Amino acid sequence: MLEELKNQKNKLTHKINNLDIKNSLLTDNLDLDYIETLIRQKFLFGKNGETLYIIKKNEN
């Protein structure tokens, strides 16, 4: 029982921390480094230490 409560506490703490980070992204001052990290994790793009560049094609 105690172990289950500790696990539940850890999960809830992790969720709260995650929500705090997401909430901080809703401000006017965006943390572009964190957004880049999210993009890399979401799309499995790049490796640690690399910089992500977005190149737009000019189709004229």
N, C-alpha and C. Protein backbone atom coordinates (compact mmCIF):
# COMPACT_ATOMS: atom_id res chain seq x y z
N MET A 1 0.83 -1.19 0.00
CA MET A 1 0.00 0.00 0.00
C MET A 1 0.88 1.26 0.00
N LEU A 2 1.87 1.30 0.86
CA LEU A 2 2.76 2.46 0.94
C LEU A 2 3.54 2.63 -0.36
N GLU A 3 3.98 1.53 -0.94
CA GLU A 3 4.73 1.59 -2.20
C GLU A 3 3.85 2.13 -3.33
N GLU A 4 2.59 1.72 -3.36
CA GLU A 4 1.66 2.22 -4.38
C GLU A 4 1.46 3.73 -4.24
N LEU A 5 1.35 4.20 -3.01
CA LEU A 5 1.17 5.63 -2.77
C LEU A 5 2.42 6.41 -3.20
N LYS A 6 3.60 5.85 -2.95
CA LYS A 6 4.83 6.51 -3.37
C LYS A 6 4.90 6.59 -4.89
N ASN A 7 4.52 5.50 -5.57
CA ASN A 7 4.51 5.50 -7.03
C ASN A 7 3.52 6.52 -7.57
N GLN A 8 2.35 6.57 -6.96
CA GLN A 8 1.33 7.53 -7.39
C GLN A 8 1.81 8.96 -7.17
N LYS A 9 2.47 9.20 -6.05
CA LYS A 9 3.01 10.53 -5.76
C LYS A 9 4.04 10.93 -6.80
N ASN A 10 4.93 10.00 -7.15
CA ASN A 10 5.96 10.28 -8.16
C ASN A 10 5.34 10.59 -9.52
N LYS A 11 4.32 9.83 -9.90
CA LYS A 11 3.65 10.06 -11.18
C LYS A 11 2.97 11.43 -11.20
N LEU A 12 2.30 11.76 -10.11
CA LEU A 12 1.61 13.05 -10.04
C LEU A 12 2.60 14.21 -10.02
N THR A 13 3.71 14.04 -9.33
CA THR A 13 4.74 15.07 -9.31
C THR A 13 5.30 15.29 -10.70
N HIS A 14 5.53 14.20 -11.43
CA HIS A 14 6.03 14.30 -12.80
C HIS A 14 5.01 15.03 -13.69
N LYS A 15 3.74 14.70 -13.54
CA LYS A 15 2.70 15.35 -14.34
C LYS A 15 2.63 16.85 -14.04
N ILE A 16 2.75 17.20 -12.77
CA ILE A 16 2.72 18.62 -12.37
C ILE A 16 3.90 19.36 -12.98
N ASN A 17 5.08 18.77 -12.91
CA ASN A 17 6.27 19.40 -13.50
C ASN A 17 6.11 19.57 -15.01
N ASN A 18 5.55 18.56 -15.65
CA ASN A 18 5.32 18.62 -17.09
C ASN A 18 4.33 19.73 -17.44
N LEU A 19 3.27 19.84 -16.65
CA LEU A 19 2.28 20.90 -16.88
C LEU A 19 2.87 22.28 -16.63
N ASP A 20 3.75 22.40 -15.65
CA ASP A 20 4.42 23.68 -15.38
C ASP A 20 5.24 24.12 -16.59
N ILE A 21 5.95 23.17 -17.18
CA ILE A 21 6.76 23.48 -18.36
C ILE A 21 5.87 23.90 -19.52
N LYS A 22 4.80 23.14 -19.76
CA LYS A 22 3.88 23.47 -20.85
C LYS A 22 3.22 24.82 -20.61
N ASN A 23 2.87 25.11 -19.37
CA ASN A 23 2.25 26.38 -19.03
C ASN A 23 3.21 27.54 -19.29
N SER A 24 4.49 27.33 -19.02
CA SER A 24 5.47 28.39 -19.25
C SER A 24 5.62 28.71 -20.73
N LEU A 25 5.26 27.76 -21.60
CA LEU A 25 5.33 28.00 -23.04
C LEU A 25 4.22 28.91 -23.53
N LEU A 26 3.21 29.14 -22.71
CA LEU A 26 2.08 29.97 -23.10
C LEU A 26 2.33 31.46 -22.88
N THR A 27 3.51 31.82 -22.46
CA THR A 27 3.84 33.22 -22.22
C THR A 27 4.23 33.90 -23.53
N ASP A 28 4.42 35.20 -23.48
CA ASP A 28 4.84 35.95 -24.67
C ASP A 28 6.31 35.69 -25.01
N ASN A 29 7.11 35.36 -24.03
CA ASN A 29 8.54 35.10 -24.24
C ASN A 29 8.76 33.60 -24.40
N LEU A 30 8.81 33.14 -25.64
CA LEU A 30 8.94 31.71 -25.90
C LEU A 30 10.38 31.25 -25.68
N ASP A 31 10.52 30.07 -25.11
CA ASP A 31 11.83 29.45 -24.94
C ASP A 31 12.10 28.59 -26.18
N LEU A 32 12.77 29.16 -27.16
CA LEU A 32 12.98 28.49 -28.43
C LEU A 32 13.83 27.23 -28.30
N ASP A 33 14.75 27.22 -27.36
CA ASP A 33 15.57 26.03 -27.15
C ASP A 33 14.72 24.86 -26.68
N TYR A 34 13.78 25.13 -25.78
CA TYR A 34 12.90 24.06 -25.29
C TYR A 34 11.97 23.59 -26.41
N ILE A 35 11.47 24.50 -27.22
CA ILE A 35 10.60 24.12 -28.33
C ILE A 35 11.37 23.25 -29.32
N GLU A 36 12.63 23.60 -29.57
CA GLU A 36 13.47 22.79 -30.45
C GLU A 36 13.64 21.39 -29.89
N THR A 37 13.84 21.30 -28.58
CA THR A 37 13.98 19.99 -27.93
C THR A 37 12.71 19.18 -28.09
N LEU A 38 11.55 19.82 -27.93
CA LEU A 38 10.27 19.11 -28.10
C LEU A 38 10.11 18.61 -29.53
N ILE A 39 10.51 19.43 -30.51
CA ILE A 39 10.42 19.01 -31.91
C ILE A 39 11.29 17.79 -32.15
N ARG A 40 12.50 17.82 -31.63
CA ARG A 40 13.41 16.69 -31.82
C ARG A 40 12.84 15.41 -31.19
N GLN A 41 12.27 15.53 -29.99
CA GLN A 41 11.71 14.36 -29.32
C GLN A 41 10.47 13.86 -30.05
N LYS A 42 9.62 14.77 -30.49
CA LYS A 42 8.36 14.39 -31.13
C LYS A 42 8.60 13.69 -32.46
N PHE A 43 9.52 14.22 -33.26
CA PHE A 43 9.74 13.70 -34.60
C PHE A 43 11.02 12.89 -34.73
N LEU A 44 11.69 12.62 -33.59
CA LEU A 44 12.93 11.84 -33.59
C LEU A 44 13.91 12.40 -34.61
N PHE A 45 14.11 13.71 -34.55
CA PHE A 45 14.93 14.41 -35.53
C PHE A 45 16.21 14.90 -34.88
N GLY A 46 17.34 14.56 -35.47
CA GLY A 46 18.62 15.07 -34.99
C GLY A 46 19.16 14.31 -33.80
N LYS A 47 20.33 14.73 -33.38
CA LYS A 47 21.01 14.13 -32.24
C LYS A 47 21.32 15.20 -31.21
N ASN A 48 21.64 14.79 -29.99
CA ASN A 48 22.01 15.75 -28.96
C ASN A 48 23.23 16.55 -29.40
N GLY A 49 23.20 17.85 -29.15
CA GLY A 49 24.30 18.71 -29.52
C GLY A 49 24.19 19.32 -30.91
N GLU A 50 23.25 18.86 -31.72
CA GLU A 50 23.05 19.41 -33.05
C GLU A 50 22.10 20.60 -32.99
N THR A 51 22.17 21.44 -34.01
CA THR A 51 21.26 22.58 -34.12
C THR A 51 20.29 22.31 -35.26
N LEU A 52 19.03 22.61 -35.03
CA LEU A 52 17.98 22.40 -36.03
C LEU A 52 17.83 23.66 -36.87
N TYR A 53 17.90 23.52 -38.18
CA TYR A 53 17.69 24.64 -39.09
C TYR A 53 16.48 24.33 -39.96
N ILE A 54 15.64 25.33 -40.14
CA ILE A 54 14.48 25.18 -41.02
C ILE A 54 14.77 25.99 -42.27
N ILE A 55 14.79 25.30 -43.40
CA ILE A 55 15.09 25.95 -44.67
C ILE A 55 13.81 25.97 -45.50
N LYS A 56 13.38 27.17 -45.86
CA LYS A 56 12.17 27.32 -46.67
C LYS A 56 12.57 27.42 -48.13
N LYS A 57 11.86 26.67 -48.98
CA LYS A 57 12.12 26.72 -50.41
C LYS A 57 11.38 27.90 -51.01
N ASN A 58 12.04 28.59 -51.91
CA ASN A 58 11.41 29.66 -52.67
C ASN A 58 11.02 29.07 -54.01
N GLU A 59 9.73 28.84 -54.23
CA GLU A 59 9.27 28.15 -55.43
C GLU A 59 8.81 29.12 -56.50
N ASN A 60 9.55 30.19 -56.74
CA ASN A 60 9.20 31.17 -57.78
C ASN A 60 9.79 30.78 -59.10
